[in-house]
């Protein structure tokens, strides 16, 4: 089902933006980011996120991102933002003219982690598929929107009942760039139930 962008709401607006039925364009503000404490010992919670809410326990959210990033840590992608200390994001973060980081950050109770792999800096578009199974999530990426590869399976302890999810873009350093989001849709959960070892009984 194609997403009605009118159902999405801002948590902090970007420098400027354009919204149409086909796409959302965001121009980032300098010094905007999402990160909590770990390693750097600072708390950054000022990135714009554009989200919708749902009580569905099982679904997948798909979006194509295109970006003109050019400065270290410029990033855009998918997000589940519950509050300042509980969220997850998946994106490509620009590093330099040679490589950038395809990765994800999961923040539970005010502490972030960061898992990445290096990809070529020439990549300027990426599809993401974010899937929910109750309070567990899977982030996948795709170069063509057809074949997806797993990036991360994670848990959000505060993702109970109603959650918010959508897109974000930010520039943690003194930079600004345009990120374009298109082909947004919600489908039945594409992250299938595990068919191996049975769950433990509490």
C-alpha atoms as a PDB file:
ATOM      1  CA  UNK A   1       0.000   0.000   0.000  1.00  0.00           C
ATOM      2  CA  UNK A   2       1.433   3.353  -1.041  1.00  0.00           C
ATOM      3  CA  UNK A   3       1.906   5.718   1.874  1.00  0.00           C
ATOM      4  CA  UNK A   4      -0.154   8.902   2.037  1.00  0.00           C
ATOM      5  CA  UNK A   5       2.536  11.452   2.933  1.00  0.00           C
ATOM      6  CA  UNK A   6      -0.150  13.614   4.554  1.00  0.00           C
ATOM      7  CA  UNK A   7      -0.216  11.059   7.366  1.00  0.00           C
ATOM      8  CA  UNK A   8       3.403  11.771   8.249  1.00  0.00           C
ATOM      9  CA  UNK A   9       4.316  14.398  10.833  1.00  0.00           C
ATOM     10  CA  UNK A  10       7.523  16.241  11.620  1.00  0.00           C
ATOM     11  CA  UNK A  11       9.489  15.859  14.781  1.00  0.00           C
ATOM     12  CA  UNK A  12      11.662  18.933  14.178  1.00  0.00           C
ATOM     13  CA  UNK A  13      11.480  20.402  10.684  1.00  0.00           C
ATOM     14  CA  UNK A  14      14.569  20.490   8.413  1.00  0.00           C
ATOM     15  CA  UNK A  15      16.140  23.595   6.908  1.00  0.00           C
ATOM     16  CA  UNK A  16      13.681  23.338   4.028  1.00  0.00           C
ATOM     17  CA  UNK A  17      11.581  20.616   2.438  1.00  0.00           C
ATOM     18  CA  UNK A  18       9.267  19.817  -0.460  1.00  0.00           C
ATOM     19  CA  UNK A  19       6.460  17.291  -0.099  1.00  0.00           C
ATOM     20  CA  UNK A  20       4.512  15.812  -3.007  1.00  0.00           C
ATOM     21  CA  UNK A  21       2.564  12.557  -3.490  1.00  0.00           C
ATOM     22  CA  UNK A  22       5.599  11.083  -5.286  1.00  0.00           C
ATOM     23  CA  UNK A  23       8.502  12.168  -3.070  1.00  0.00           C
ATOM     24  CA  UNK A  24       9.800  14.068  -0.077  1.00  0.00           C
ATOM     25  CA  UNK A  25      12.876  16.289  -0.429  1.00  0.00           C
ATOM     26  CA  UNK A  26      14.772  17.408   2.661  1.00  0.00           C
ATOM     27  CA  UNK A  27      17.542  19.991   2.911  1.00  0.00           C
ATOM     28  CA  UNK A  28      19.439  19.293   6.125  1.00  0.00           C
ATOM     29  CA  UNK A  29      20.545  21.792   8.718  1.00  0.00           C
ATOM     30  CA  UNK A  30      24.190  21.809   9.837  1.00  0.00           C
ATOM     31  CA  UNK A  31      24.963  20.261  13.233  1.00  0.00           C
ATOM     32  CA  UNK A  32      21.907  17.997  13.363  1.00  0.00           C
ATOM     33  CA  UNK A  33      22.168  14.403  14.528  1.00  0.00           C
ATOM     34  CA  UNK A  34      20.758  11.483  16.519  1.00  0.00           C
ATOM     35  CA  UNK A  35      23.184   9.928  19.006  1.00  0.00           C
ATOM     36  CA  UNK A  36      23.123   9.125  22.712  1.00  0.00           C
ATOM     37  CA  UNK A  37      26.193   8.942  24.979  1.00  0.00           C
ATOM     38  CA  UNK A  38      28.129   5.808  23.959  1.00  0.00           C
ATOM     39  CA  UNK A  39      31.837   6.458  23.261  1.00  0.00           C
ATOM     40  CA  UNK A  40      31.416  10.139  22.397  1.00  0.00           C
ATOM     41  CA  UNK A  41      29.733  10.980  25.723  1.00  0.00           C
ATOM     42  CA  UNK A  42      27.414  13.550  24.185  1.00  0.00           C
ATOM     43  CA  UNK A  43      23.678  13.566  23.515  1.00  0.00           C
ATOM     44  CA  UNK A  44      22.481  14.787  20.110  1.00  0.00           C
ATOM     45  CA  UNK A  45      18.748  14.804  19.537  1.00  0.00           C
ATOM     46  CA  UNK A  46      17.960  17.464  16.953  1.00  0.00           C
ATOM     47  CA  UNK A  47      17.691  15.651  13.603  1.00  0.00           C
ATOM     48  CA  UNK A  48      14.425  16.095  11.696  1.00  0.00           C
ATOM     49  CA  UNK A  49      12.320  12.958  11.416  1.00  0.00           C
ATOM     50  CA  UNK A  50       9.162  12.583   9.322  1.00  0.00           C
ATOM     51  CA  UNK A  51       6.996   9.777  10.653  1.00  0.00           C
ATOM     52  CA  UNK A  52       3.614   8.144  10.869  1.00  0.00           C
ATOM     53  CA  UNK A  53       2.205   6.128  13.758  1.00  0.00           C
ATOM     54  CA  UNK A  54       0.769   2.645  13.838  1.00  0.00           C
ATOM     55  CA  UNK A  55      -0.351  -0.019  16.271  1.00  0.00           C
ATOM     56  CA  UNK A  56       0.301  -2.776  13.736  1.00  0.00           C
ATOM     57  CA  UNK A  57       2.587  -5.368  15.293  1.00  0.00           C
ATOM     58  CA  UNK A  58       3.673  -6.857  11.946  1.00  0.00           C
ATOM     59  CA  UNK A  59       4.475  -4.827   8.820  1.00  0.00           C
ATOM     60  CA  UNK A  60       7.247  -3.741   6.452  1.00  0.00           C
ATOM     61  CA  UNK A  61       8.038  -0.173   5.402  1.00  0.00           C
ATOM     62  CA  UNK A  62       9.869   0.382   2.101  1.00  0.00           C
ATOM     63  CA  UNK A  63      11.509   3.572   0.833  1.00  0.00           C
ATOM     64  CA  UNK A  64      14.038   4.624  -1.787  1.00  0.00           C
ATOM     65  CA  UNK A  65      16.624   7.224  -0.793  1.00  0.00           C
ATOM     66  CA  UNK A  66      18.710   9.401  -3.107  1.00  0.00           C
ATOM     67  CA  UNK A  67      21.268  11.773  -1.641  1.00  0.00           C
ATOM     68  CA  UNK A  68      23.783  14.455  -2.525  1.00  0.00           C
ATOM     69  CA  UNK A  69      25.895  13.952   0.590  1.00  0.00           C
ATOM     70  CA  UNK A  70      29.401  15.351   0.465  1.00  0.00           C
ATOM     71  CA  UNK A  71      30.590  15.947   4.018  1.00  0.00           C
ATOM     72  CA  UNK A  72      31.560  13.580   6.828  1.00  0.00           C
ATOM     73  CA  UNK A  73      28.560  11.982   8.571  1.00  0.00           C
ATOM     74  CA  UNK A  74      25.924  13.416   6.160  1.00  0.00           C
ATOM     75  CA  UNK A  75      23.178  10.761   6.316  1.00  0.00           C
ATOM     76  CA  UNK A  76      19.587   9.864   5.445  1.00  0.00           C
ATOM     77  CA  UNK A  77      17.463   6.762   5.768  1.00  0.00           C
ATOM     78  CA  UNK A  78      14.784   4.997   7.798  1.00  0.00           C
ATOM     79  CA  UNK A  79      13.987   5.602  11.441  1.00  0.00           C
ATOM     80  CA  UNK A  80      11.813   4.385  14.299  1.00  0.00           C
ATOM     81  CA  UNK A  81      11.848   7.317  16.707  1.00  0.00           C
ATOM     82  CA  UNK A  82       9.969   6.705  19.960  1.00  0.00           C
ATOM     83  CA  UNK A  83      11.587   9.376  22.131  1.00  0.00           C
ATOM     84  CA  UNK A  84      15.020  10.937  22.629  1.00  0.00           C
ATOM     85  CA  UNK A  85      16.435   7.831  24.320  1.00  0.00           C
ATOM     86  CA  UNK A  86      14.744   5.039  22.363  1.00  0.00           C
ATOM     87  CA  UNK A  87      15.045   4.794  18.586  1.00  0.00           C
ATOM     88  CA  UNK A  88      16.741   3.067  15.670  1.00  0.00           C
ATOM     89  CA  UNK A  89      17.974   4.295  12.311  1.00  0.00           C
ATOM     90  CA  UNK A  90      19.436   2.770   9.156  1.00  0.00           C
ATOM     91  CA  UNK A  91      21.322   4.838   6.593  1.00  0.00           C
ATOM     92  CA  UNK A  92      24.446   5.567   4.581  1.00  0.00           C
ATOM     93  CA  UNK A  93      26.812   8.012   6.269  1.00  0.00           C
ATOM     94  CA  UNK A  94      29.285   9.814   4.035  1.00  0.00           C
ATOM     95  CA  UNK A  95      32.911   9.577   5.143  1.00  0.00           C
ATOM     96  CA  UNK A  96      35.158  10.833   2.312  1.00  0.00           C
ATOM     97  CA  UNK A  97      35.631  10.697  -1.463  1.00  0.00           C
ATOM     98  CA  UNK A  98      36.625   7.032  -1.269  1.00  0.00           C
ATOM     99  CA  UNK A  99      34.119   5.334   1.036  1.00  0.00           C
ATOM    100  CA  UNK A 100      31.041   5.763   3.198  1.00  0.00           C
ATOM    101  CA  UNK A 101      29.367   3.716   5.931  1.00  0.00           C
ATOM    102  CA  UNK A 102      26.248   1.660   5.334  1.00  0.00           C
ATOM    103  CA  UNK A 103      24.978   0.950   8.804  1.00  0.00           C
ATOM    104  CA  UNK A 104      22.519   1.251  11.630  1.00  0.00           C
ATOM    105  CA  UNK A 105      22.248   2.668  15.124  1.00  0.00           C
ATOM    106  CA  UNK A 106      20.044   1.223  17.851  1.00  0.00           C
ATOM    107  CA  UNK A 107      19.417   3.238  20.998  1.00  0.00           C
ATOM    108  CA  UNK A 108      17.817   1.693  24.061  1.00  0.00           C
ATOM    109  CA  UNK A 109      17.419   3.632  27.324  1.00  0.00           C
ATOM    110  CA  UNK A 110      19.769   6.406  26.260  1.00  0.00           C
ATOM    111  CA  UNK A 111      22.738   4.446  24.906  1.00  0.00           C
ATOM    112  CA  UNK A 112      23.483   4.093  21.188  1.00  0.00           C
ATOM    113  CA  UNK A 113      25.463   1.509  19.281  1.00  0.00           C
ATOM    114  CA  UNK A 114      26.707   1.732  15.693  1.00  0.00           C
ATOM    115  CA  UNK A 115      27.201  -1.194  13.300  1.00  0.00           C
ATOM    116  CA  UNK A 116      28.606  -0.480   9.824  1.00  0.00           C
ATOM    117  CA  UNK A 117      30.219  -1.804   6.697  1.00  0.00           C
ATOM    118  CA  UNK A 118      32.192   0.274   4.203  1.00  0.00           C
ATOM    119  CA  UNK A 119      30.796   0.848   0.710  1.00  0.00           C
ATOM    120  CA  UNK A 120      32.051   2.920  -2.205  1.00  0.00           C
ATOM    121  CA  UNK A 121      31.467   6.673  -2.021  1.00  0.00           C
ATOM    122  CA  UNK A 122      30.025   6.596  -5.547  1.00  0.00           C
ATOM    123  CA  UNK A 123      26.783   5.037  -4.251  1.00  0.00           C
ATOM    124  CA  UNK A 124      24.160   7.806  -4.215  1.00  0.00           C
ATOM    125  CA  UNK A 125      20.929   5.823  -3.890  1.00  0.00           C
ATOM    126  CA  UNK A 126      19.700   3.020  -1.631  1.00  0.00           C
ATOM    127  CA  UNK A 127      16.422   1.262  -0.889  1.00  0.00           C
ATOM    128  CA  UNK A 128      15.548   0.242   2.671  1.00  0.00           C
ATOM    129  CA  UNK A 129      13.003  -2.175   4.057  1.00  0.00           C
ATOM    130  CA  UNK A 130      12.185  -1.810   7.741  1.00  0.00           C
ATOM    131  CA  UNK A 131      10.145  -4.659   9.225  1.00  0.00           C
ATOM    132  CA  UNK A 132       8.459  -4.975  12.613  1.00  0.00           C
ATOM    133  CA  UNK A 133       7.596  -8.134  14.494  1.00  0.00           C
ATOM    134  CA  UNK A 134       6.172  -6.834  17.788  1.00  0.00           C
ATOM    135  CA  UNK A 135       9.130  -5.193  19.596  1.00  0.00           C
ATOM    136  CA  UNK A 136      11.772  -6.667  17.275  1.00  0.00           C
ATOM    137  CA  UNK A 137      12.907  -5.077  14.017  1.00  0.00           C
ATOM    138  CA  UNK A 138      14.841  -5.951  10.878  1.00  0.00           C
ATOM    139  CA  UNK A 139      16.521  -3.423   8.580  1.00  0.00           C
ATOM    140  CA  UNK A 140      17.399  -4.501   5.036  1.00  0.00           C
ATOM    141  CA  UNK A 141      18.908  -2.634   2.093  1.00  0.00           C
ATOM    142  CA  UNK A 142      18.760  -3.028  -1.673  1.00  0.00           C
ATOM    143  CA  UNK A 143      20.456  -1.442  -4.672  1.00  0.00           C
ATOM    144  CA  UNK A 144      17.468  -2.052  -6.961  1.00  0.00           C
ATOM    145  CA  UNK A 145      14.405  -2.320  -4.709  1.00  0.00           C
ATOM    146  CA  UNK A 146      14.018  -5.996  -5.570  1.00  0.00           C
ATOM    147  CA  UNK A 147      16.755  -8.000  -3.871  1.00  0.00           C
ATOM    148  CA  UNK A 148      17.235  -7.073  -0.214  1.00  0.00           C
ATOM    149  CA  UNK A 149      20.118  -7.922   2.105  1.00  0.00           C
ATOM    150  CA  UNK A 150      19.911  -7.997   5.873  1.00  0.00           C
ATOM    151  CA  UNK A 151      21.649  -5.165   7.705  1.00  0.00           C
ATOM    152  CA  UNK A 152      20.438  -5.597  11.252  1.00  0.00           C
ATOM    153  CA  UNK A 153      18.079  -7.492  13.554  1.00  0.00           C
ATOM    154  CA  UNK A 154      17.449  -5.653  16.808  1.00  0.00           C
ATOM    155  CA  UNK A 155      15.139  -5.088  19.752  1.00  0.00           C
ATOM    156  CA  UNK A 156      13.568  -1.863  21.010  1.00  0.00           C
ATOM    157  CA  UNK A 157      12.476  -2.342  24.582  1.00  0.00           C
ATOM    158  CA  UNK A 158      10.011   0.582  24.465  1.00  0.00           C
ATOM    159  CA  UNK A 159       8.376  -0.442  21.157  1.00  0.00           C
ATOM    160  CA  UNK A 160       5.158  -1.567  22.814  1.00  0.00           C
ATOM    161  CA  UNK A 161       1.837  -1.201  20.991  1.00  0.00           C
ATOM    162  CA  UNK A 162       1.844   2.134  19.125  1.00  0.00           C
ATOM    163  CA  UNK A 163       5.113   3.219  17.478  1.00  0.00           C
ATOM    164  CA  UNK A 164       6.221   5.893  15.031  1.00  0.00           C
ATOM    165  CA  UNK A 165       8.376   5.193  11.974  1.00  0.00           C
ATOM    166  CA  UNK A 166       9.469   6.908   8.797  1.00  0.00           C
ATOM    167  CA  UNK A 167      12.437   8.818   7.371  1.00  0.00           C
ATOM    168  CA  UNK A 168      15.156  11.169   8.560  1.00  0.00           C
ATOM    169  CA  UNK A 169      18.114  13.157   7.250  1.00  0.00           C
ATOM    170  CA  UNK A 170      20.795  15.116   9.068  1.00  0.00           C
ATOM    171  CA  UNK A 171      24.270  16.660   8.895  1.00  0.00           C
ATOM    172  CA  UNK A 172      26.141  16.267  12.196  1.00  0.00           C
ATOM    173  CA  UNK A 173      28.984  18.594  11.158  1.00  0.00           C
ATOM    174  CA  UNK A 174      28.999  21.969   9.380  1.00  0.00           C
ATOM    175  CA  UNK A 175      27.243  20.782   6.243  1.00  0.00           C
ATOM    176  CA  UNK A 176      23.935  20.708   4.395  1.00  0.00           C
ATOM    177  CA  UNK A 177      22.692  18.470   1.572  1.00  0.00           C
ATOM    178  CA  UNK A 178      19.546  17.346  -0.244  1.00  0.00           C
ATOM    179  CA  UNK A 179      18.002  13.951   0.463  1.00  0.00           C
ATOM    180  CA  UNK A 180      15.121  12.629  -1.651  1.00  0.00           C
ATOM    181  CA  UNK A 181      12.734   9.898  -0.490  1.00  0.00           C
ATOM    182  CA  UNK A 182      10.367   8.125  -2.879  1.00  0.00           C
ATOM    183  CA  UNK A 183       8.463   4.860  -3.484  1.00  0.00           C
ATOM    184  CA  UNK A 184       7.278   4.764   0.128  1.00  0.00           C
ATOM    185  CA  UNK A 185       4.910   1.930   0.900  1.00  0.00           C
ATOM    186  CA  UNK A 186       3.714  -0.364   3.648  1.00  0.00           C
ATOM    187  CA  UNK A 187       3.316  -4.091   3.015  1.00  0.00           C
ATOM    188  CA  UNK A 188       2.590  -7.223   4.953  1.00  0.00           C
ATOM    189  CA  UNK A 189       5.602  -8.136   7.053  1.00  0.00           C
ATOM    190  CA  UNK A 190       8.304  -9.472   4.728  1.00  0.00           C
ATOM    191  CA  UNK A 191      10.422 -10.581   7.684  1.00  0.00           C
ATOM    192  CA  UNK A 192       9.025 -14.066   8.121  1.00  0.00           C
ATOM    193  CA  UNK A 193       8.737 -15.944  11.384  1.00  0.00           C
ATOM    194  CA  UNK A 194      11.784 -18.030  12.271  1.00  0.00           C
ATOM    195  CA  UNK A 195      11.300 -21.678  11.276  1.00  0.00           C
ATOM    196  CA  UNK A 196      14.226 -23.204  13.183  1.00  0.00           C
ATOM    197  CA  UNK A 197      14.772 -23.531  16.932  1.00  0.00           C
ATOM    198  CA  UNK A 198      11.572 -23.118  18.915  1.00  0.00           C
ATOM    199  CA  UNK A 199      11.277 -20.119  21.290  1.00  0.00           C
ATOM    200  CA  UNK A 200      12.191 -20.657  24.927  1.00  0.00           C
ATOM    201  CA  UNK A 201       9.284 -20.980  27.329  1.00  0.00           C
ATOM    202  CA  UNK A 202       9.460 -18.400  30.115  1.00  0.00           C
END
